């Protein structure tokens, strides 16, 4: 399992792809800091469709078998 902080820009080329490759394509990817810090906190965390698409595309390119779980507050996850 990898908790991946996705950058909001493309300043670091292929960041998620290179990270997942270096981590040997984990079975589960949990994005952190994917939410919009300018909106009120809600559960589940609001994620812009474009950010979700960017995350899914980055994971699928290098690790198509990885499961992406966007966490919800106060929810226990077992791996």
PDB file of N, CA and C in Angstrom:
ATOM      1  N   UNK A   1       0.851  -1.161   0.000  1.00  0.00           N
ATOM      2  CA  UNK A   1       0.000   0.000   0.000  1.00  0.00           C
ATOM      3  C   UNK A   1       0.901   1.229   0.000  1.00  0.00           C
ATOM      4  N   UNK A   2       0.515   2.211  -0.791  1.00  0.00           N
ATOM      5  CA  UNK A   2       1.275   3.456  -0.834  1.00  0.00           C
ATOM      6  C   UNK A   2       0.325   4.626  -0.658  1.00  0.00           C
ATOM      7  N   UNK A   3       0.703   5.534   0.225  1.00  0.00           N
ATOM      8  CA  UNK A   3      -0.043   6.783   0.377  1.00  0.00           C
ATOM      9  C   UNK A   3       0.722   7.819  -0.424  1.00  0.00           C
ATOM     10  N   UNK A   4       0.087   8.327  -1.484  1.00  0.00           N
ATOM     11  CA  UNK A   4       0.762   9.185  -2.443  1.00  0.00           C
ATOM     12  C   UNK A   4       0.192  10.592  -2.392  1.00  0.00           C
ATOM     13  N   UNK A   5       1.062  11.556  -2.143  1.00  0.00           N
ATOM     14  CA  UNK A   5       0.659  12.964  -2.185  1.00  0.00           C
ATOM     15  C   UNK A   5       0.842  13.439  -3.620  1.00  0.00           C
ATOM     16  N   UNK A   6      -0.265  13.703  -4.277  1.00  0.00           N
ATOM     17  CA  UNK A   6      -0.191  14.152  -5.658  1.00  0.00           C
ATOM     18  C   UNK A   6       0.057  15.646  -5.709  1.00  0.00           C
ATOM     19  N   UNK A   7       1.051  16.057  -6.471  1.00  0.00           N
ATOM     20  CA  UNK A   7       1.284  17.495  -6.605  1.00  0.00           C
ATOM     21  C   UNK A   7       0.180  18.141  -7.421  1.00  0.00           C
ATOM     22  N   UNK A   8      -0.073  19.408  -7.157  1.00  0.00           N
ATOM     23  CA  UNK A   8      -1.129  20.116  -7.878  1.00  0.00           C
ATOM     24  C   UNK A   8      -0.641  20.684  -9.198  1.00  0.00           C
ATOM     25  N   UNK A   9       0.635  20.506  -9.479  1.00  0.00           N
ATOM     26  CA  UNK A   9       1.172  21.008 -10.741  1.00  0.00           C
ATOM     27  C   UNK A   9       1.958  19.896 -11.435  1.00  0.00           C
ATOM     28  N   UNK A  10       2.428  20.200 -12.604  1.00  0.00           N
ATOM     29  CA  UNK A  10       3.246  19.241 -13.344  1.00  0.00           C
ATOM     30  C   UNK A  10       4.722  19.611 -13.270  1.00  0.00           C
ATOM     31  N   UNK A  11       5.097  20.380 -12.258  1.00  0.00           N
ATOM     32  CA  UNK A  11       6.483  20.841 -12.127  1.00  0.00           C
ATOM     33  C   UNK A  11       7.461  19.669 -11.973  1.00  0.00           C
ATOM     34  N   UNK A  12       7.027  18.597 -11.336  1.00  0.00           N
ATOM     35  CA  UNK A  12       7.857  17.402 -11.198  1.00  0.00           C
ATOM     36  C   UNK A  12       7.342  16.385 -12.209  1.00  0.00           C
ATOM     37  N   UNK A  13       8.069  16.221 -13.279  1.00  0.00           N
ATOM     38  CA  UNK A  13       7.615  15.383 -14.393  1.00  0.00           C
ATOM     39  C   UNK A  13       7.355  13.947 -13.967  1.00  0.00           C
ATOM     40  N   UNK A  14       6.179  13.451 -14.320  1.00  0.00           N
ATOM     41  CA  UNK A  14       5.804  12.047 -14.098  1.00  0.00           C
ATOM     42  C   UNK A  14       6.004  11.594 -12.656  1.00  0.00           C
ATOM     43  N   UNK A  15       5.726  12.484 -11.715  1.00  0.00           N
ATOM     44  CA  UNK A  15       5.974  12.195 -10.298  1.00  0.00           C
ATOM     45  C   UNK A  15       5.280  10.912  -9.834  1.00  0.00           C
ATOM     46  N   UNK A  16       3.971  10.838 -10.008  1.00  0.00           N
ATOM     47  CA  UNK A  16       3.225   9.667  -9.515  1.00  0.00           C
ATOM     48  C   UNK A  16       3.676   8.406 -10.228  1.00  0.00           C
ATOM     49  N   UNK A  17       3.868   8.486 -11.511  1.00  0.00           N
ATOM     50  CA  UNK A  17       4.294   7.316 -12.281  1.00  0.00           C
ATOM     51  C   UNK A  17       5.646   6.795 -11.807  1.00  0.00           C
ATOM     52  N   UNK A  18       6.594   7.705 -11.620  1.00  0.00           N
ATOM     53  CA  UNK A  18       7.933   7.296 -11.174  1.00  0.00           C
ATOM     54  C   UNK A  18       7.898   6.753  -9.752  1.00  0.00           C
ATOM     55  N   UNK A  19       7.084   7.367  -8.889  1.00  0.00           N
ATOM     56  CA  UNK A  19       6.975   6.904  -7.510  1.00  0.00           C
ATOM     57  C   UNK A  19       6.387   5.499  -7.447  1.00  0.00           C
ATOM     58  N   UNK A  20       5.300   5.266  -8.159  1.00  0.00           N
ATOM     59  CA  UNK A  20       4.676   3.946  -8.146  1.00  0.00           C
ATOM     60  C   UNK A  20       5.601   2.888  -8.740  1.00  0.00           C
ATOM     61  N   UNK A  21       6.347   3.247  -9.743  1.00  0.00           N
ATOM     62  CA  UNK A  21       7.318   2.322 -10.322  1.00  0.00           C
ATOM     63  C   UNK A  21       8.396   1.986  -9.297  1.00  0.00           C
ATOM     64  N   UNK A  22       8.895   3.008  -8.594  1.00  0.00           N
ATOM     65  CA  UNK A  22       9.929   2.789  -7.574  1.00  0.00           C
ATOM     66  C   UNK A  22       9.408   1.942  -6.414  1.00  0.00           C
ATOM     67  N   UNK A  23       8.107   2.037  -6.141  1.00  0.00           N
ATOM     68  CA  UNK A  23       7.495   1.266  -5.047  1.00  0.00           C
ATOM     69  C   UNK A  23       7.010  -0.106  -5.523  1.00  0.00           C
ATOM     70  N   UNK A  24       7.397  -0.494  -6.720  1.00  0.00           N
ATOM     71  CA  UNK A  24       7.063  -1.797  -7.290  1.00  0.00           C
ATOM     72  C   UNK A  24       5.559  -1.992  -7.461  1.00  0.00           C
ATOM     73  N   UNK A  25       4.891  -0.940  -7.904  1.00  0.00           N
ATOM     74  CA  UNK A  25       3.468  -0.979  -8.253  1.00  0.00           C
ATOM     75  C   UNK A  25       2.608  -1.575  -7.133  1.00  0.00           C
ATOM     76  N   UNK A  26       2.376  -0.811  -6.079  1.00  0.00           N
ATOM     77  CA  UNK A  26       1.632  -1.321  -4.921  1.00  0.00           C
ATOM     78  C   UNK A  26       0.207  -1.753  -5.289  1.00  0.00           C
ATOM     79  N   UNK A  27      -0.328  -2.677  -4.516  1.00  0.00           N
ATOM     80  CA  UNK A  27      -1.690  -3.175  -4.761  1.00  0.00           C
ATOM     81  C   UNK A  27      -2.738  -2.108  -4.492  1.00  0.00           C
ATOM     82  N   UNK A  28      -2.470  -1.241  -3.515  1.00  0.00           N
ATOM     83  CA  UNK A  28      -3.421  -0.203  -3.131  1.00  0.00           C
ATOM     84  C   UNK A  28      -2.712   1.141  -3.121  1.00  0.00           C
ATOM     85  N   UNK A  29      -3.363   2.141  -3.701  1.00  0.00           N
ATOM     86  CA  UNK A  29      -2.850   3.502  -3.694  1.00  0.00           C
ATOM     87  C   UNK A  29      -3.880   4.396  -3.002  1.00  0.00           C
ATOM     88  N   UNK A  30      -3.444   5.084  -1.966  1.00  0.00           N
ATOM     89  CA  UNK A  30      -4.312   5.994  -1.226  1.00  0.00           C
ATOM     90  C   UNK A  30      -3.792   7.412  -1.462  1.00  0.00           C
ATOM     91  N   UNK A  31      -4.539   8.221  -2.196  1.00  0.00           N
ATOM     92  CA  UNK A  31      -4.082   9.589  -2.413  1.00  0.00           C
ATOM     93  C   UNK A  31      -4.283  10.432  -1.158  1.00  0.00           C
ATOM     94  N   UNK A  32      -3.293  11.229  -0.850  1.00  0.00           N
ATOM     95  CA  UNK A  32      -3.405  12.175   0.256  1.00  0.00           C
ATOM     96  C   UNK A  32      -3.166  13.570  -0.304  1.00  0.00           C
ATOM     97  N   UNK A  33      -3.759  14.558   0.315  1.00  0.00           N
ATOM     98  CA  UNK A  33      -3.678  15.948  -0.140  1.00  0.00           C
ATOM     99  C   UNK A  33      -4.241  16.115  -1.551  1.00  0.00           C
ATOM    100  N   UNK A  34      -5.288  15.361  -1.838  1.00  0.00           N
ATOM    101  CA  UNK A  34      -5.941  15.452  -3.137  1.00  0.00           C
ATOM    102  C   UNK A  34      -7.114  16.425  -3.089  1.00  0.00           C
ATOM    103  N   UNK A  35      -7.533  16.779  -1.875  1.00  0.00           N
ATOM    104  CA  UNK A  35      -8.698  17.653  -1.717  1.00  0.00           C
ATOM    105  C   UNK A  35      -8.334  19.109  -1.976  1.00  0.00           C
ATOM    106  N   UNK A  36      -9.358  19.914  -2.076  1.00  0.00           N
ATOM    107  CA  UNK A  36      -9.195  21.349  -2.299  1.00  0.00           C
ATOM    108  C   UNK A  36      -9.159  22.025  -0.936  1.00  0.00           C
ATOM    109  N   UNK A  37      -8.035  22.633  -0.599  1.00  0.00           N
ATOM    110  CA  UNK A  37      -7.871  23.232   0.724  1.00  0.00           C
ATOM    111  C   UNK A  37      -8.654  24.528   0.898  1.00  0.00           C
ATOM    112  N   UNK A  38      -9.260  25.007  -0.158  1.00  0.00           N
ATOM    113  CA  UNK A  38     -10.002  26.261  -0.096  1.00  0.00           C
ATOM    114  C   UNK A  38     -11.493  26.060   0.152  1.00  0.00           C
ATOM    115  N   UNK A  39     -11.936  24.825   0.332  1.00  0.00           N
ATOM    116  CA  UNK A  39     -13.353  24.555   0.577  1.00  0.00           C
ATOM    117  C   UNK A  39     -13.514  23.993   1.989  1.00  0.00           C
ATOM    118  N   UNK A  40     -14.754  24.035   2.485  1.00  0.00           N
ATOM    119  CA  UNK A  40     -14.996  23.503   3.831  1.00  0.00           C
ATOM    120  C   UNK A  40     -14.783  21.992   3.852  1.00  0.00           C
ATOM    121  N   UNK A  41     -14.426  21.472   5.015  1.00  0.00           N
ATOM    122  CA  UNK A  41     -14.227  20.036   5.171  1.00  0.00           C
ATOM    123  C   UNK A  41     -15.573  19.319   5.115  1.00  0.00           C
ATOM    124  N   UNK A  42     -15.621  18.289   4.334  1.00  0.00           N
ATOM    125  CA  UNK A  42     -16.817  17.459   4.239  1.00  0.00           C
ATOM    126  C   UNK A  42     -16.378  16.007   4.153  1.00  0.00           C
ATOM    127  N   UNK A  43     -17.312  15.126   4.426  1.00  0.00           N
ATOM    128  CA  UNK A  43     -17.043  13.704   4.325  1.00  0.00           C
ATOM    129  C   UNK A  43     -18.060  13.100   3.374  1.00  0.00           C
ATOM    130  N   UNK A  44     -17.641  12.512   2.270  1.00  0.00           N
ATOM    131  CA  UNK A  44     -16.266  12.332   1.849  1.00  0.00           C
ATOM    132  C   UNK A  44     -15.638  13.642   1.385  1.00  0.00           C
ATOM    133  N   UNK A  45     -14.336  13.635   1.334  1.00  0.00           N
ATOM    134  CA  UNK A  45     -13.587  14.816   0.927  1.00  0.00           C
ATOM    135  C   UNK A  45     -13.946  15.154  -0.524  1.00  0.00           C
ATOM    136  N   UNK A  46     -14.279  16.415  -0.806  1.00  0.00           N
ATOM    137  CA  UNK A  46     -14.581  16.767  -2.193  1.00  0.00           C
ATOM    138  C   UNK A  46     -13.310  16.742  -3.049  1.00  0.00           C
ATOM    139  N   UNK A  47     -13.389  16.020  -4.140  1.00  0.00           N
ATOM    140  CA  UNK A  47     -12.266  15.922  -5.069  1.00  0.00           C
ATOM    141  C   UNK A  47     -12.774  16.351  -6.436  1.00  0.00           C
ATOM    142  N   UNK A  48     -12.113  17.325  -7.019  1.00  0.00           N
ATOM    143  CA  UNK A  48     -12.514  17.804  -8.342  1.00  0.00           C
ATOM    144  C   UNK A  48     -12.397  16.663  -9.347  1.00  0.00           C
ATOM    145  N   UNK A  49     -13.372  16.538 -10.232  1.00  0.00           N
ATOM    146  CA  UNK A  49     -13.308  15.471 -11.242  1.00  0.00           C
ATOM    147  C   UNK A  49     -11.998  15.467 -12.025  1.00  0.00           C
ATOM    148  N   UNK A  50     -11.471  16.638 -12.334  1.00  0.00           N
ATOM    149  CA  UNK A  50     -10.212  16.689 -13.090  1.00  0.00           C
ATOM    150  C   UNK A  50      -9.046  16.137 -12.272  1.00  0.00           C
ATOM    151  N   UNK A  51      -9.058  16.377 -10.945  1.00  0.00           N
ATOM    152  CA  UNK A  51      -8.009  15.832 -10.088  1.00  0.00           C
ATOM    153  C   UNK A  51      -8.129  14.317  -9.988  1.00  0.00           C
ATOM    154  N   UNK A  52      -9.354  13.824  -9.874  1.00  0.00           N
ATOM    155  CA  UNK A  52      -9.570  12.368  -9.809  1.00  0.00           C
ATOM    156  C   UNK A  52      -9.135  11.711 -11.120  1.00  0.00           C
ATOM    157  N   UNK A  53      -9.466  12.317 -12.237  1.00  0.00           N
ATOM    158  CA  UNK A  53      -9.056  11.777 -13.540  1.00  0.00           C
ATOM    159  C   UNK A  53      -7.537  11.767 -13.679  1.00  0.00           C
ATOM    160  N   UNK A  54      -6.904  12.833 -13.213  1.00  0.00           N
ATOM    161  CA  UNK A  54      -5.438  12.915 -13.273  1.00  0.00           C
ATOM    162  C   UNK A  54      -4.797  11.818 -12.432  1.00  0.00           C
ATOM    163  N   UNK A  55      -5.335  11.591 -11.242  1.00  0.00           N
ATOM    164  CA  UNK A  55      -4.838  10.534 -10.373  1.00  0.00           C
ATOM    165  C   UNK A  55      -5.024   9.168 -11.028  1.00  0.00           C
ATOM    166  N   UNK A  56      -6.232   8.890 -11.490  1.00  0.00           N
ATOM    167  CA  UNK A  56      -6.500   7.588 -12.099  1.00  0.00           C
ATOM    168  C   UNK A  56      -5.603   7.347 -13.302  1.00  0.00           C
ATOM    169  N   UNK A  57      -5.419   8.359 -14.136  1.00  0.00           N
ATOM    170  CA  UNK A  57      -4.578   8.213 -15.320  1.00  0.00           C
ATOM    171  C   UNK A  57      -3.129   7.942 -14.940  1.00  0.00           C
ATOM    172  N   UNK A  58      -2.634   8.646 -13.936  1.00  0.00           N
ATOM    173  CA  UNK A  58      -1.247   8.463 -13.504  1.00  0.00           C
ATOM    174  C   UNK A  58      -1.029   7.051 -12.968  1.00  0.00           C
ATOM    175  N   UNK A  59      -1.977   6.562 -12.174  1.00  0.00           N
ATOM    176  CA  UNK A  59      -1.854   5.217 -11.605  1.00  0.00           C
ATOM    177  C   UNK A  59      -1.977   4.174 -12.715  1.00  0.00           C
ATOM    178  N   UNK A  60      -2.951   4.301 -13.559  1.00  0.00           N
ATOM    179  CA  UNK A  60      -3.206   3.304 -14.615  1.00  0.00           C
ATOM    180  C   UNK A  60      -2.044   3.182 -15.596  1.00  0.00           C
ATOM    181  N   UNK A  61      -1.348   4.275 -15.865  1.00  0.00           N
ATOM    182  CA  UNK A  61      -0.230   4.224 -16.815  1.00  0.00           C
ATOM    183  C   UNK A  61       0.867   3.273 -16.357  1.00  0.00           C
ATOM    184  N   UNK A  62       1.172   3.288 -15.085  1.00  0.00           N
ATOM    185  CA  UNK A  62       2.306   2.498 -14.603  1.00  0.00           C
ATOM    186  C   UNK A  62       1.881   1.289 -13.770  1.00  0.00           C
ATOM    187  N   UNK A  63       0.703   1.341 -13.171  1.00  0.00           N
ATOM    188  CA  UNK A  63       0.287   0.280 -12.256  1.00  0.00           C
ATOM    189  C   UNK A  63      -1.201  -0.037 -12.426  1.00  0.00           C
ATOM    190  N   UNK A  64      -1.574  -0.609 -13.576  1.00  0.00           N
ATOM    191  CA  UNK A  64      -2.996  -0.801 -13.876  1.00  0.00           C
ATOM    192  C   UNK A  64      -3.746  -1.721 -12.916  1.00  0.00           C
ATOM    193  N   UNK A  65      -3.040  -2.540 -12.173  1.00  0.00           N
ATOM    194  CA  UNK A  65      -3.722  -3.452 -11.231  1.00  0.00           C
ATOM    195  C   UNK A  65      -3.911  -2.839  -9.845  1.00  0.00           C
ATOM    196  N   UNK A  66      -3.341  -1.674  -9.625  1.00  0.00           N
ATOM    197  CA  UNK A  66      -3.490  -1.018  -8.320  1.00  0.00           C
ATOM    198  C   UNK A  66      -4.926  -0.566  -8.118  1.00  0.00           C
ATOM    199  N   UNK A  67      -5.383  -0.688  -6.893  1.00  0.00           N
ATOM    200  CA  UNK A  67      -6.715  -0.210  -6.500  1.00  0.00           C
ATOM    201  C   UNK A  67      -6.529   1.157  -5.854  1.00  0.00           C
ATOM    202  N   UNK A  68      -7.272   2.150  -6.315  1.00  0.00           N
ATOM    203  CA  UNK A  68      -7.181   3.498  -5.760  1.00  0.00           C
ATOM    204  C   UNK A  68      -8.321   3.690  -4.771  1.00  0.00           C
ATOM    205  N   UNK A  69      -7.983   4.046  -3.538  1.00  0.00           N
ATOM    206  CA  UNK A  69      -8.979   4.284  -2.492  1.00  0.00           C
ATOM    207  C   UNK A  69      -8.848   5.728  -2.032  1.00  0.00           C
ATOM    208  N   UNK A  70      -9.888   6.524  -2.257  1.00  0.00           N
ATOM    209  CA  UNK A  70      -9.912   7.887  -1.739  1.00  0.00           C
ATOM    210  C   UNK A  70     -10.517   7.792  -0.341  1.00  0.00           C
ATOM    211  N   UNK A  71      -9.732   8.084   0.701  1.00  0.00           N
ATOM    212  CA  UNK A  71     -10.203   7.857   2.067  1.00  0.00           C
ATOM    213  C   UNK A  71     -11.306   8.819   2.504  1.00  0.00           C
ATOM    214  N   UNK A  72     -12.121   8.330   3.414  1.00  0.00           N
ATOM    215  CA  UNK A  72     -13.154   9.146   4.048  1.00  0.00           C
ATOM    216  C   UNK A  72     -12.769   9.339   5.506  1.00  0.00           C
ATOM    217  N   UNK A  73     -13.113  10.502   6.062  1.00  0.00           N
ATOM    218  CA  UNK A  73     -12.841  10.775   7.464  1.00  0.00           C
ATOM    219  C   UNK A  73     -13.541   9.767   8.367  1.00  0.00           C
ATOM    220  N   UNK A  74     -12.916   9.438   9.474  1.00  0.00           N
ATOM    221  CA  UNK A  74     -13.486   8.568  10.500  1.00  0.00           C
ATOM    222  C   UNK A  74     -13.866   7.199   9.955  1.00  0.00           C
ATOM    223  N   UNK A  75     -13.115   6.714   8.993  1.00  0.00           N
ATOM    224  CA  UNK A  75     -13.368   5.395   8.414  1.00  0.00           C
ATOM    225  C   UNK A  75     -12.121   4.554   8.566  1.00  0.00           C
ATOM    226  N   UNK A  76     -12.266   3.369   9.153  1.00  0.00           N
ATOM    227  CA  UNK A  76     -11.129   2.476   9.311  1.00  0.00           C
ATOM    228  C   UNK A  76     -10.949   1.658   8.040  1.00  0.00           C
ATOM    229  N   UNK A  77      -9.713   1.489   7.643  1.00  0.00           N
ATOM    230  CA  UNK A  77      -9.381   0.677   6.480  1.00  0.00           C
ATOM    231  C   UNK A  77      -8.410  -0.408   6.930  1.00  0.00           C
ATOM    232  N   UNK A  78      -8.600  -1.592   6.432  1.00  0.00           N
ATOM    233  CA  UNK A  78      -7.731  -2.727   6.784  1.00  0.00           C
ATOM    234  C   UNK A  78      -7.161  -3.298   5.501  1.00  0.00           C
ATOM    235  N   UNK A  79      -5.829  -3.473   5.480  1.00  0.00           N
ATOM    236  CA  UNK A  79      -5.168  -3.994   4.293  1.00  0.00           C
ATOM    237  C   UNK A  79      -4.401  -5.241   4.632  1.00  0.00           C
TER     238      UNK A  79
END
